């Protein structure tokens, strides 16, 4: 979702950078916002596997058949837990994105667990290659896979902020 709005906070370019991460390009900085933690998937998978192993142990009293059933049940439970955890994370991301629409960038920036802030002054260079934008700051790099509709607005916004520090590599025909 590409949204430009300014509720007394300057212009903000909001880009969904993935299933569980958003990026806001503000006047002060770039915010990387976690809209749903990936720990949902790990926790639900571990819980499903633990339940499957415990059930297999109770249902099969012999060691060999218990191990076989526990392994098969654990694999099935891991797949089921991953699917369930992914659905839970997606639902959380949708809910969090709705909540974020009403917040100003300063309010989001204040929530340290939610957002990572990279000020424009700390960016050494930005490389745009196709739909991938790589932001280099210090020893760190932040890669953003831009949605097709966001490539041109993001390129224009970043080029305006960082004149001379943007490297654009063309891949294929220009968008």
N, C-alpha and C. Protein backbone atom coordinates (compact mmCIF):
# COMPACT_ATOMS: atom_id res chain seq x y z
N UNK A 1 0.85 -1.17 0.00
CA UNK A 1 0.00 0.00 0.00
C UNK A 1 0.90 1.23 0.00
N UNK A 2 0.66 2.09 -0.90
CA UNK A 2 1.43 3.31 -1.03
C UNK A 2 0.52 4.47 -0.65
N UNK A 3 0.88 5.18 0.41
CA UNK A 3 0.04 6.26 0.92
C UNK A 3 0.89 7.49 1.13
N UNK A 4 0.41 8.60 0.63
CA UNK A 4 1.04 9.88 0.93
C UNK A 4 0.03 10.67 1.73
N UNK A 5 0.44 11.11 2.90
CA UNK A 5 -0.45 12.00 3.64
C UNK A 5 0.36 12.86 4.57
N UNK A 6 -0.22 13.92 5.01
CA UNK A 6 0.47 14.81 5.93
C UNK A 6 -0.51 15.39 6.91
N UNK A 7 -0.58 14.80 8.10
CA UNK A 7 -1.47 15.32 9.14
C UNK A 7 -0.64 16.20 10.07
N UNK A 8 -0.18 17.33 9.56
CA UNK A 8 0.64 18.22 10.36
C UNK A 8 2.02 17.64 10.67
N UNK A 9 2.42 16.60 9.95
CA UNK A 9 3.71 15.97 10.23
C UNK A 9 4.60 15.97 9.01
N UNK A 10 4.28 16.76 8.02
CA UNK A 10 5.04 16.72 6.78
C UNK A 10 4.56 15.56 5.94
N UNK A 11 5.19 15.41 4.80
CA UNK A 11 4.77 14.36 3.90
C UNK A 11 5.41 13.02 4.31
N UNK A 12 4.60 11.96 4.29
CA UNK A 12 5.07 10.63 4.63
C UNK A 12 4.72 9.70 3.49
N UNK A 13 5.72 8.97 3.01
CA UNK A 13 5.50 7.96 1.98
C UNK A 13 5.52 6.61 2.69
N UNK A 14 4.38 5.92 2.70
CA UNK A 14 4.27 4.64 3.42
C UNK A 14 4.25 3.51 2.41
N UNK A 15 5.15 2.55 2.64
CA UNK A 15 5.29 1.43 1.72
C UNK A 15 5.26 0.12 2.49
N UNK A 16 4.43 -0.81 2.06
CA UNK A 16 4.46 -2.16 2.61
C UNK A 16 5.67 -2.84 2.02
N UNK A 17 6.67 -3.12 2.85
CA UNK A 17 7.91 -3.70 2.35
C UNK A 17 7.95 -5.21 2.42
N UNK A 18 6.90 -5.80 2.88
CA UNK A 18 6.84 -7.25 3.00
C UNK A 18 5.59 -7.64 3.76
N UNK A 19 5.49 -8.90 4.07
CA UNK A 19 4.29 -9.36 4.77
C UNK A 19 4.20 -8.77 6.16
N UNK A 20 5.34 -8.60 6.83
CA UNK A 20 5.30 -8.17 8.23
C UNK A 20 6.15 -6.96 8.52
N UNK A 21 6.58 -6.23 7.50
CA UNK A 21 7.39 -5.03 7.69
C UNK A 21 6.90 -3.93 6.77
N UNK A 22 6.82 -2.71 7.30
CA UNK A 22 6.48 -1.53 6.52
C UNK A 22 7.62 -0.53 6.62
N UNK A 23 7.70 0.36 5.65
CA UNK A 23 8.70 1.41 5.66
C UNK A 23 7.99 2.75 5.45
N UNK A 24 8.31 3.70 6.31
CA UNK A 24 7.79 5.05 6.17
C UNK A 24 8.95 5.97 5.86
N UNK A 25 8.84 6.69 4.75
CA UNK A 25 9.83 7.69 4.38
C UNK A 25 9.28 9.03 4.86
N UNK A 26 9.87 9.58 5.91
CA UNK A 26 9.39 10.84 6.48
C UNK A 26 10.39 11.96 6.18
N UNK A 27 10.07 13.16 6.60
CA UNK A 27 10.98 14.29 6.40
C UNK A 27 12.27 14.13 7.20
N UNK A 28 12.20 13.47 8.37
CA UNK A 28 13.36 13.32 9.24
C UNK A 28 14.17 12.06 8.97
N UNK A 29 13.48 10.96 8.66
CA UNK A 29 14.16 9.68 8.60
C UNK A 29 13.35 8.64 7.83
N UNK A 30 13.91 7.44 7.79
CA UNK A 30 13.20 6.29 7.26
C UNK A 30 12.90 5.39 8.45
N UNK A 31 11.65 5.01 8.61
CA UNK A 31 11.24 4.13 9.70
C UNK A 31 10.98 2.73 9.16
N UNK A 32 11.63 1.74 9.76
CA UNK A 32 11.34 0.35 9.45
C UNK A 32 10.44 -0.13 10.58
N UNK A 33 9.20 -0.46 10.24
CA UNK A 33 8.19 -0.78 11.24
C UNK A 33 7.83 -2.26 11.16
N UNK A 34 7.94 -2.95 12.28
CA UNK A 34 7.54 -4.35 12.36
C UNK A 34 6.06 -4.39 12.70
N UNK A 35 5.25 -4.85 11.74
CA UNK A 35 3.81 -4.89 11.98
C UNK A 35 3.35 -6.21 12.57
N UNK A 36 4.17 -7.25 12.47
CA UNK A 36 3.87 -8.54 13.11
C UNK A 36 5.19 -9.28 13.29
N UNK A 37 5.46 -9.73 14.52
CA UNK A 37 6.72 -10.44 14.74
C UNK A 37 6.67 -11.86 14.17
N UNK A 38 7.81 -12.31 13.66
CA UNK A 38 7.88 -13.67 13.12
C UNK A 38 7.87 -14.71 14.22
N UNK A 39 7.99 -14.28 15.47
CA UNK A 39 7.97 -15.23 16.59
C UNK A 39 6.63 -15.96 16.68
N UNK A 40 5.56 -15.38 16.11
CA UNK A 40 4.27 -16.08 16.09
C UNK A 40 4.42 -17.45 15.43
N UNK A 41 5.14 -17.50 14.35
CA UNK A 41 5.30 -18.75 13.61
C UNK A 41 6.11 -19.74 14.44
N UNK A 42 7.20 -19.28 15.03
CA UNK A 42 8.05 -20.18 15.81
C UNK A 42 7.33 -20.73 17.04
N UNK A 43 6.63 -19.87 17.75
CA UNK A 43 5.95 -20.30 18.97
C UNK A 43 4.83 -21.28 18.66
N UNK A 44 4.00 -20.98 17.66
CA UNK A 44 2.91 -21.90 17.34
C UNK A 44 3.44 -23.23 16.79
N UNK A 45 4.50 -23.19 16.01
CA UNK A 45 5.08 -24.43 15.50
C UNK A 45 5.61 -25.28 16.65
N UNK A 46 6.33 -24.66 17.57
CA UNK A 46 6.87 -25.40 18.72
C UNK A 46 5.74 -25.98 19.57
N UNK A 47 4.67 -25.21 19.76
CA UNK A 47 3.55 -25.70 20.56
C UNK A 47 2.87 -26.89 19.88
N UNK A 48 2.65 -26.80 18.58
CA UNK A 48 2.02 -27.91 17.85
C UNK A 48 2.89 -29.17 17.89
N UNK A 49 4.20 -29.01 17.73
CA UNK A 49 5.11 -30.16 17.76
C UNK A 49 5.13 -30.79 19.15
N UNK A 50 5.17 -29.97 20.19
CA UNK A 50 5.18 -30.49 21.56
C UNK A 50 3.91 -31.30 21.85
N UNK A 51 2.78 -30.78 21.44
CA UNK A 51 1.52 -31.50 21.64
C UNK A 51 1.52 -32.81 20.86
N UNK A 52 2.00 -32.79 19.63
CA UNK A 52 2.03 -34.00 18.81
C UNK A 52 2.94 -35.06 19.42
N UNK A 53 4.09 -34.65 19.91
CA UNK A 53 5.03 -35.61 20.51
C UNK A 53 4.44 -36.18 21.80
N UNK A 54 3.84 -35.35 22.61
CA UNK A 54 3.22 -35.85 23.84
C UNK A 54 2.07 -36.81 23.56
N UNK A 55 1.25 -36.48 22.56
CA UNK A 55 0.16 -37.38 22.20
C UNK A 55 0.70 -38.70 21.66
N UNK A 56 1.73 -38.65 20.84
CA UNK A 56 2.30 -39.88 20.28
C UNK A 56 2.89 -40.75 21.39
N UNK A 57 3.47 -40.13 22.37
CA UNK A 57 4.04 -40.88 23.49
C UNK A 57 2.96 -41.57 24.31
N UNK A 58 1.84 -40.90 24.49
CA UNK A 58 0.74 -41.49 25.26
C UNK A 58 0.00 -42.57 24.49
N UNK A 59 -0.10 -42.40 23.18
CA UNK A 59 -0.87 -43.35 22.37
C UNK A 59 -0.09 -44.62 22.04
N UNK A 60 1.23 -44.55 21.97
CA UNK A 60 2.05 -45.71 21.60
C UNK A 60 3.00 -46.05 22.73
N UNK A 61 2.69 -47.11 23.47
CA UNK A 61 3.52 -47.45 24.62
C UNK A 61 4.89 -48.03 24.26
N UNK A 62 5.04 -48.64 23.09
CA UNK A 62 6.33 -49.20 22.74
C UNK A 62 7.24 -48.10 22.20
N UNK A 63 8.53 -48.27 22.46
CA UNK A 63 9.49 -47.23 22.12
C UNK A 63 9.61 -47.00 20.61
N UNK A 64 9.78 -48.08 19.84
CA UNK A 64 10.02 -47.95 18.40
C UNK A 64 8.82 -47.34 17.69
N UNK A 65 7.63 -47.89 17.94
CA UNK A 65 6.45 -47.34 17.27
C UNK A 65 6.16 -45.92 17.76
N UNK A 66 6.48 -45.64 19.04
CA UNK A 66 6.29 -44.29 19.57
C UNK A 66 7.18 -43.27 18.88
N UNK A 67 8.42 -43.66 18.60
CA UNK A 67 9.36 -42.76 17.91
C UNK A 67 8.89 -42.50 16.49
N UNK A 68 8.45 -43.56 15.81
CA UNK A 68 7.98 -43.40 14.43
C UNK A 68 6.75 -42.49 14.38
N UNK A 69 5.79 -42.75 15.24
CA UNK A 69 4.57 -41.94 15.27
C UNK A 69 4.89 -40.51 15.71
N UNK A 70 5.79 -40.35 16.67
CA UNK A 70 6.15 -39.01 17.13
C UNK A 70 6.84 -38.22 16.02
N UNK A 71 7.71 -38.88 15.26
CA UNK A 71 8.38 -38.19 14.16
C UNK A 71 7.40 -37.78 13.08
N UNK A 72 6.52 -38.69 12.69
CA UNK A 72 5.52 -38.36 11.67
C UNK A 72 4.56 -37.29 12.18
N UNK A 73 4.10 -37.47 13.41
CA UNK A 73 3.19 -36.48 13.99
C UNK A 73 3.86 -35.13 14.18
N UNK A 74 5.15 -35.15 14.55
CA UNK A 74 5.89 -33.90 14.73
C UNK A 74 6.06 -33.15 13.42
N UNK A 75 6.33 -33.88 12.35
CA UNK A 75 6.47 -33.24 11.03
C UNK A 75 5.15 -32.62 10.59
N UNK A 76 4.07 -33.38 10.76
CA UNK A 76 2.75 -32.86 10.40
C UNK A 76 2.40 -31.65 11.27
N UNK A 77 2.68 -31.75 12.57
CA UNK A 77 2.38 -30.65 13.48
C UNK A 77 3.22 -29.42 13.17
N UNK A 78 4.48 -29.63 12.75
CA UNK A 78 5.33 -28.49 12.39
C UNK A 78 4.75 -27.75 11.19
N UNK A 79 4.29 -28.51 10.19
CA UNK A 79 3.68 -27.88 9.02
C UNK A 79 2.39 -27.15 9.41
N UNK A 80 1.58 -27.81 10.21
CA UNK A 80 0.32 -27.20 10.65
C UNK A 80 0.58 -25.97 11.52
N UNK A 81 1.59 -26.07 12.41
CA UNK A 81 1.93 -24.93 13.26
C UNK A 81 2.45 -23.76 12.46
N UNK A 82 3.26 -24.04 11.42
CA UNK A 82 3.75 -22.98 10.55
C UNK A 82 2.63 -22.27 9.82
N UNK A 83 1.68 -23.05 9.32
CA UNK A 83 0.53 -22.46 8.62
C UNK A 83 -0.30 -21.62 9.58
N UNK A 84 -0.61 -22.19 10.75
CA UNK A 84 -1.41 -21.48 11.73
C UNK A 84 -0.70 -20.21 12.22
N UNK A 85 0.62 -20.32 12.47
CA UNK A 85 1.39 -19.16 12.92
C UNK A 85 1.45 -18.07 11.87
N UNK A 86 1.55 -18.48 10.61
CA UNK A 86 1.57 -17.51 9.51
C UNK A 86 0.24 -16.78 9.41
N UNK A 87 -0.86 -17.53 9.55
CA UNK A 87 -2.18 -16.89 9.53
C UNK A 87 -2.35 -15.93 10.69
N UNK A 88 -1.86 -16.33 11.86
CA UNK A 88 -1.94 -15.48 13.04
C UNK A 88 -1.12 -14.20 12.84
N UNK A 89 0.08 -14.34 12.27
CA UNK A 89 0.94 -13.17 12.02
C UNK A 89 0.31 -12.25 10.98
N UNK A 90 -0.29 -12.83 9.92
CA UNK A 90 -0.95 -12.00 8.91
C UNK A 90 -2.12 -11.22 9.50
N UNK A 91 -2.89 -11.87 10.34
CA UNK A 91 -4.03 -11.19 10.98
C UNK A 91 -3.54 -10.07 11.88
N UNK A 92 -2.46 -10.33 12.61
CA UNK A 92 -1.88 -9.30 13.46
C UNK A 92 -1.35 -8.13 12.64
N UNK A 93 -0.74 -8.42 11.48
CA UNK A 93 -0.21 -7.37 10.61
C UNK A 93 -1.33 -6.48 10.08
N UNK A 94 -2.43 -7.08 9.69
CA UNK A 94 -3.58 -6.30 9.19
C UNK A 94 -4.09 -5.38 10.29
N UNK A 95 -4.24 -5.93 11.49
CA UNK A 95 -4.74 -5.13 12.62
C UNK A 95 -3.76 -3.99 12.95
N UNK A 96 -2.46 -4.29 12.98
CA UNK A 96 -1.46 -3.27 13.31
C UNK A 96 -1.42 -2.18 12.25
N UNK A 97 -1.55 -2.54 10.96
CA UNK A 97 -1.54 -1.53 9.89
C UNK A 97 -2.72 -0.59 10.02
N UNK A 98 -3.87 -1.12 10.42
CA UNK A 98 -5.04 -0.24 10.64
C UNK A 98 -4.76 0.73 11.77
N UNK A 99 -4.15 0.25 12.84
CA UNK A 99 -3.82 1.12 13.98
C UNK A 99 -2.82 2.20 13.59
N UNK A 100 -1.85 1.83 12.76
CA UNK A 100 -0.79 2.77 12.38
C UNK A 100 -1.29 3.89 11.48
N UNK A 101 -2.36 3.65 10.76
CA UNK A 101 -2.89 4.69 9.86
C UNK A 101 -3.27 5.96 10.61
N UNK A 102 -3.68 5.82 11.88
CA UNK A 102 -4.12 6.99 12.64
C UNK A 102 -2.97 7.65 13.41
N UNK A 103 -1.78 7.05 13.40
CA UNK A 103 -0.68 7.60 14.17
C UNK A 103 0.22 8.49 13.32
N UNK A 104 0.77 9.51 13.97
CA UNK A 104 1.77 10.37 13.33
C UNK A 104 3.12 9.66 13.40
N UNK A 105 4.04 10.05 12.53
CA UNK A 105 5.35 9.39 12.50
C UNK A 105 6.10 9.58 13.82
N UNK A 106 5.92 10.71 14.51
CA UNK A 106 6.57 10.91 15.80
C UNK A 106 6.08 9.91 16.84
N UNK A 107 4.81 9.58 16.80
CA UNK A 107 4.25 8.60 17.74
C UNK A 107 4.81 7.21 17.45
N UNK A 108 4.96 6.87 16.19
CA UNK A 108 5.53 5.57 15.83
C UNK A 108 7.00 5.52 16.19
N UNK A 109 7.72 6.60 15.92
CA UNK A 109 9.16 6.68 16.21
C UNK A 109 9.42 6.50 17.71
N UNK A 110 8.51 6.96 18.56
CA UNK A 110 8.67 6.86 20.00
C UNK A 110 8.56 5.42 20.51
N UNK A 111 7.95 4.55 19.76
CA UNK A 111 7.81 3.15 20.17
C UNK A 111 9.02 2.38 19.68
N UNK A 112 10.03 2.25 20.53
CA UNK A 112 11.33 1.67 20.14
C UNK A 112 11.22 0.21 19.72
N UNK A 113 10.30 -0.55 20.31
CA UNK A 113 10.15 -1.96 19.93
C UNK A 113 9.48 -2.12 18.58
N UNK A 114 8.77 -1.11 18.16
CA UNK A 114 7.99 -1.18 16.93
C UNK A 114 8.77 -0.71 15.71
N UNK A 115 9.58 0.33 15.87
CA UNK A 115 10.21 0.96 14.70
C UNK A 115 11.71 1.17 14.88
N UNK A 116 12.42 1.01 13.78
CA UNK A 116 13.85 1.33 13.71
C UNK A 116 13.95 2.59 12.85
N UNK A 117 14.62 3.61 13.38
CA UNK A 117 14.74 4.88 12.69
C UNK A 117 16.14 5.04 12.10
N UNK A 118 16.19 5.39 10.82
CA UNK A 118 17.46 5.70 10.16
C UNK A 118 17.35 7.13 9.63
N UNK A 119 18.00 8.09 10.31
CA UNK A 119 17.94 9.48 9.85
C UNK A 119 18.59 9.65 8.48
N UNK A 120 18.07 10.59 7.71
CA UNK A 120 18.59 10.84 6.37
C UNK A 120 20.07 11.22 6.42
N UNK A 121 20.48 11.92 7.48
CA UNK A 121 21.87 12.37 7.58
C UNK A 121 22.84 11.21 7.77
N UNK A 122 22.38 10.07 8.29
CA UNK A 122 23.24 8.91 8.51
C UNK A 122 23.38 8.02 7.27
N UNK A 123 22.54 8.22 6.28
CA UNK A 123 22.61 7.40 5.08
C UNK A 123 23.81 7.81 4.23
N UNK A 124 24.67 6.83 3.95
CA UNK A 124 25.84 7.10 3.12
C UNK A 124 25.49 7.00 1.65
N UNK A 125 24.67 5.99 1.31
CA UNK A 125 24.26 5.83 -0.08
C UNK A 125 22.99 5.00 -0.16
N UNK A 126 22.33 5.15 -1.28
CA UNK A 126 21.13 4.37 -1.57
C UNK A 126 21.30 3.81 -2.97
N UNK A 127 21.12 2.51 -3.10
CA UNK A 127 21.25 1.85 -4.39
C UNK A 127 19.87 1.31 -4.77
N UNK A 128 19.40 1.68 -5.93
CA UNK A 128 18.11 1.21 -6.43
C UNK A 128 18.37 0.38 -7.67
N UNK A 129 18.09 -0.91 -7.56
CA UNK A 129 18.30 -1.84 -8.66
C UNK A 129 17.00 -2.60 -8.89
N UNK A 130 16.30 -2.24 -9.95
CA UNK A 130 14.99 -2.86 -10.20
C UNK A 130 14.02 -2.45 -9.10
N UNK A 131 13.49 -3.43 -8.39
CA UNK A 131 12.56 -3.16 -7.29
C UNK A 131 13.25 -3.19 -5.93
N UNK A 132 14.55 -3.46 -5.90
CA UNK A 132 15.27 -3.57 -4.64
C UNK A 132 15.98 -2.26 -4.32
N UNK A 133 15.70 -1.73 -3.14
CA UNK A 133 16.36 -0.52 -2.66
C UNK A 133 17.24 -0.91 -1.49
N UNK A 134 18.53 -0.60 -1.58
CA UNK A 134 19.49 -0.91 -0.52
C UNK A 134 19.96 0.39 0.11
N UNK A 135 19.72 0.54 1.41
CA UNK A 135 20.12 1.73 2.14
C UNK A 135 21.36 1.39 2.95
N UNK A 136 22.46 2.11 2.74
CA UNK A 136 23.71 1.86 3.46
C UNK A 136 23.90 2.96 4.50
N UNK A 137 24.00 2.55 5.76
CA UNK A 137 24.26 3.50 6.84
C UNK A 137 25.21 2.85 7.84
N UNK A 138 26.39 3.44 7.98
CA UNK A 138 27.41 2.88 8.86
C UNK A 138 27.83 1.51 8.35
N UNK A 139 27.84 0.54 9.24
CA UNK A 139 28.20 -0.82 8.87
C UNK A 139 26.97 -1.63 8.47
N UNK A 140 25.83 -1.03 8.46
CA UNK A 140 24.58 -1.73 8.23
C UNK A 140 24.00 -1.45 6.85
N UNK A 141 23.24 -2.40 6.37
CA UNK A 141 22.48 -2.23 5.14
C UNK A 141 21.04 -2.64 5.41
N UNK A 142 20.12 -1.92 4.80
CA UNK A 142 18.72 -2.25 4.91
C UNK A 142 18.20 -2.44 3.48
N UNK A 143 17.67 -3.61 3.21
CA UNK A 143 17.15 -3.88 1.87
C UNK A 143 15.63 -3.85 1.91
N UNK A 144 15.08 -3.19 0.91
CA UNK A 144 13.64 -3.07 0.79
C UNK A 144 13.24 -3.57 -0.59
N UNK A 145 12.34 -4.55 -0.62
CA UNK A 145 11.78 -4.99 -1.90
C UNK A 145 10.50 -4.18 -2.10
N UNK A 146 10.58 -3.25 -3.03
CA UNK A 146 9.46 -2.33 -3.26
C UNK A 146 8.37 -2.99 -4.09
N UNK A 147 7.11 -2.72 -3.74
CA UNK A 147 6.03 -3.16 -4.62
C UNK A 147 6.15 -2.42 -5.95
N UNK A 148 5.69 -3.02 -7.05
CA UNK A 148 5.85 -2.38 -8.36
C UNK A 148 5.33 -0.94 -8.42
N UNK A 149 4.20 -0.66 -7.76
CA UNK A 149 3.63 0.69 -7.80
C UNK A 149 4.44 1.70 -7.00
N UNK A 150 5.32 1.23 -6.11
CA UNK A 150 6.05 2.13 -5.22
C UNK A 150 7.44 2.48 -5.73
N UNK A 151 7.90 1.87 -6.82
CA UNK A 151 9.27 2.09 -7.28
C UNK A 151 9.50 3.55 -7.66
N UNK A 152 8.66 4.09 -8.50
CA UNK A 152 8.86 5.47 -8.97
C UNK A 152 8.69 6.49 -7.84
N UNK A 153 7.60 6.44 -7.03
CA UNK A 153 7.50 7.41 -5.93
C UNK A 153 8.65 7.31 -4.93
N UNK A 154 9.09 6.09 -4.62
CA UNK A 154 10.20 5.93 -3.68
C UNK A 154 11.49 6.49 -4.27
N UNK A 155 11.73 6.24 -5.55
CA UNK A 155 12.94 6.75 -6.20
C UNK A 155 12.91 8.28 -6.19
N UNK A 156 11.78 8.88 -6.51
CA UNK A 156 11.68 10.34 -6.52
C UNK A 156 11.88 10.93 -5.13
N UNK A 157 11.27 10.30 -4.13
CA UNK A 157 11.36 10.80 -2.76
C UNK A 157 12.80 10.74 -2.25
N UNK A 158 13.44 9.59 -2.45
CA UNK A 158 14.81 9.41 -1.98
C UNK A 158 15.78 10.29 -2.76
N UNK A 159 15.58 10.42 -4.07
CA UNK A 159 16.45 11.27 -4.88
C UNK A 159 16.36 12.73 -4.44
N UNK A 160 15.17 13.17 -4.06
CA UNK A 160 15.01 14.55 -3.60
C UNK A 160 15.72 14.77 -2.26
N UNK A 161 15.69 13.76 -1.40
CA UNK A 161 16.32 13.88 -0.08
C UNK A 161 17.84 13.74 -0.13
N UNK A 162 18.33 12.84 -0.99
CA UNK A 162 19.74 12.50 -1.01
C UNK A 162 20.39 12.77 -2.37
N UNK A 163 20.24 13.95 -2.85
CA UNK A 163 20.81 14.29 -4.15
C UNK A 163 22.30 13.97 -4.16
N UNK A 164 22.72 13.17 -5.13
CA UNK A 164 24.12 12.81 -5.26
C UNK A 164 24.53 11.53 -4.56
N UNK A 165 23.72 11.03 -3.65
CA UNK A 165 24.06 9.80 -2.94
C UNK A 165 23.18 8.63 -3.37
N UNK A 166 22.46 8.78 -4.47
CA UNK A 166 21.57 7.73 -4.95
C UNK A 166 22.16 7.13 -6.22
N UNK A 167 22.32 5.81 -6.23
CA UNK A 167 22.80 5.10 -7.41
C UNK A 167 21.63 4.30 -7.96
N UNK A 168 21.29 4.56 -9.22
CA UNK A 168 20.16 3.86 -9.83
C UNK A 168 20.70 2.96 -10.93
N UNK A 169 20.46 1.66 -10.78
CA UNK A 169 20.84 0.70 -11.80
C UNK A 169 19.58 0.26 -12.53
N UNK A 170 19.55 0.40 -13.82
CA UNK A 170 18.39 -0.01 -14.59
C UNK A 170 18.49 -1.49 -14.93
N UNK A 171 17.42 -2.21 -14.67
CA UNK A 171 17.30 -3.60 -15.08
C UNK A 171 16.07 -3.70 -15.96
N UNK A 172 16.28 -4.02 -17.20
CA UNK A 172 15.13 -4.13 -18.09
C UNK A 172 14.60 -2.75 -18.45
N UNK A 173 13.38 -2.69 -18.99
CA UNK A 173 12.80 -1.40 -19.34
C UNK A 173 12.44 -0.61 -18.09
N UNK A 174 12.55 0.71 -18.13
CA UNK A 174 12.19 1.53 -16.97
C UNK A 174 10.72 1.38 -16.65
N UNK A 175 10.37 1.44 -15.34
CA UNK A 175 8.96 1.25 -14.94
C UNK A 175 8.07 2.40 -15.35
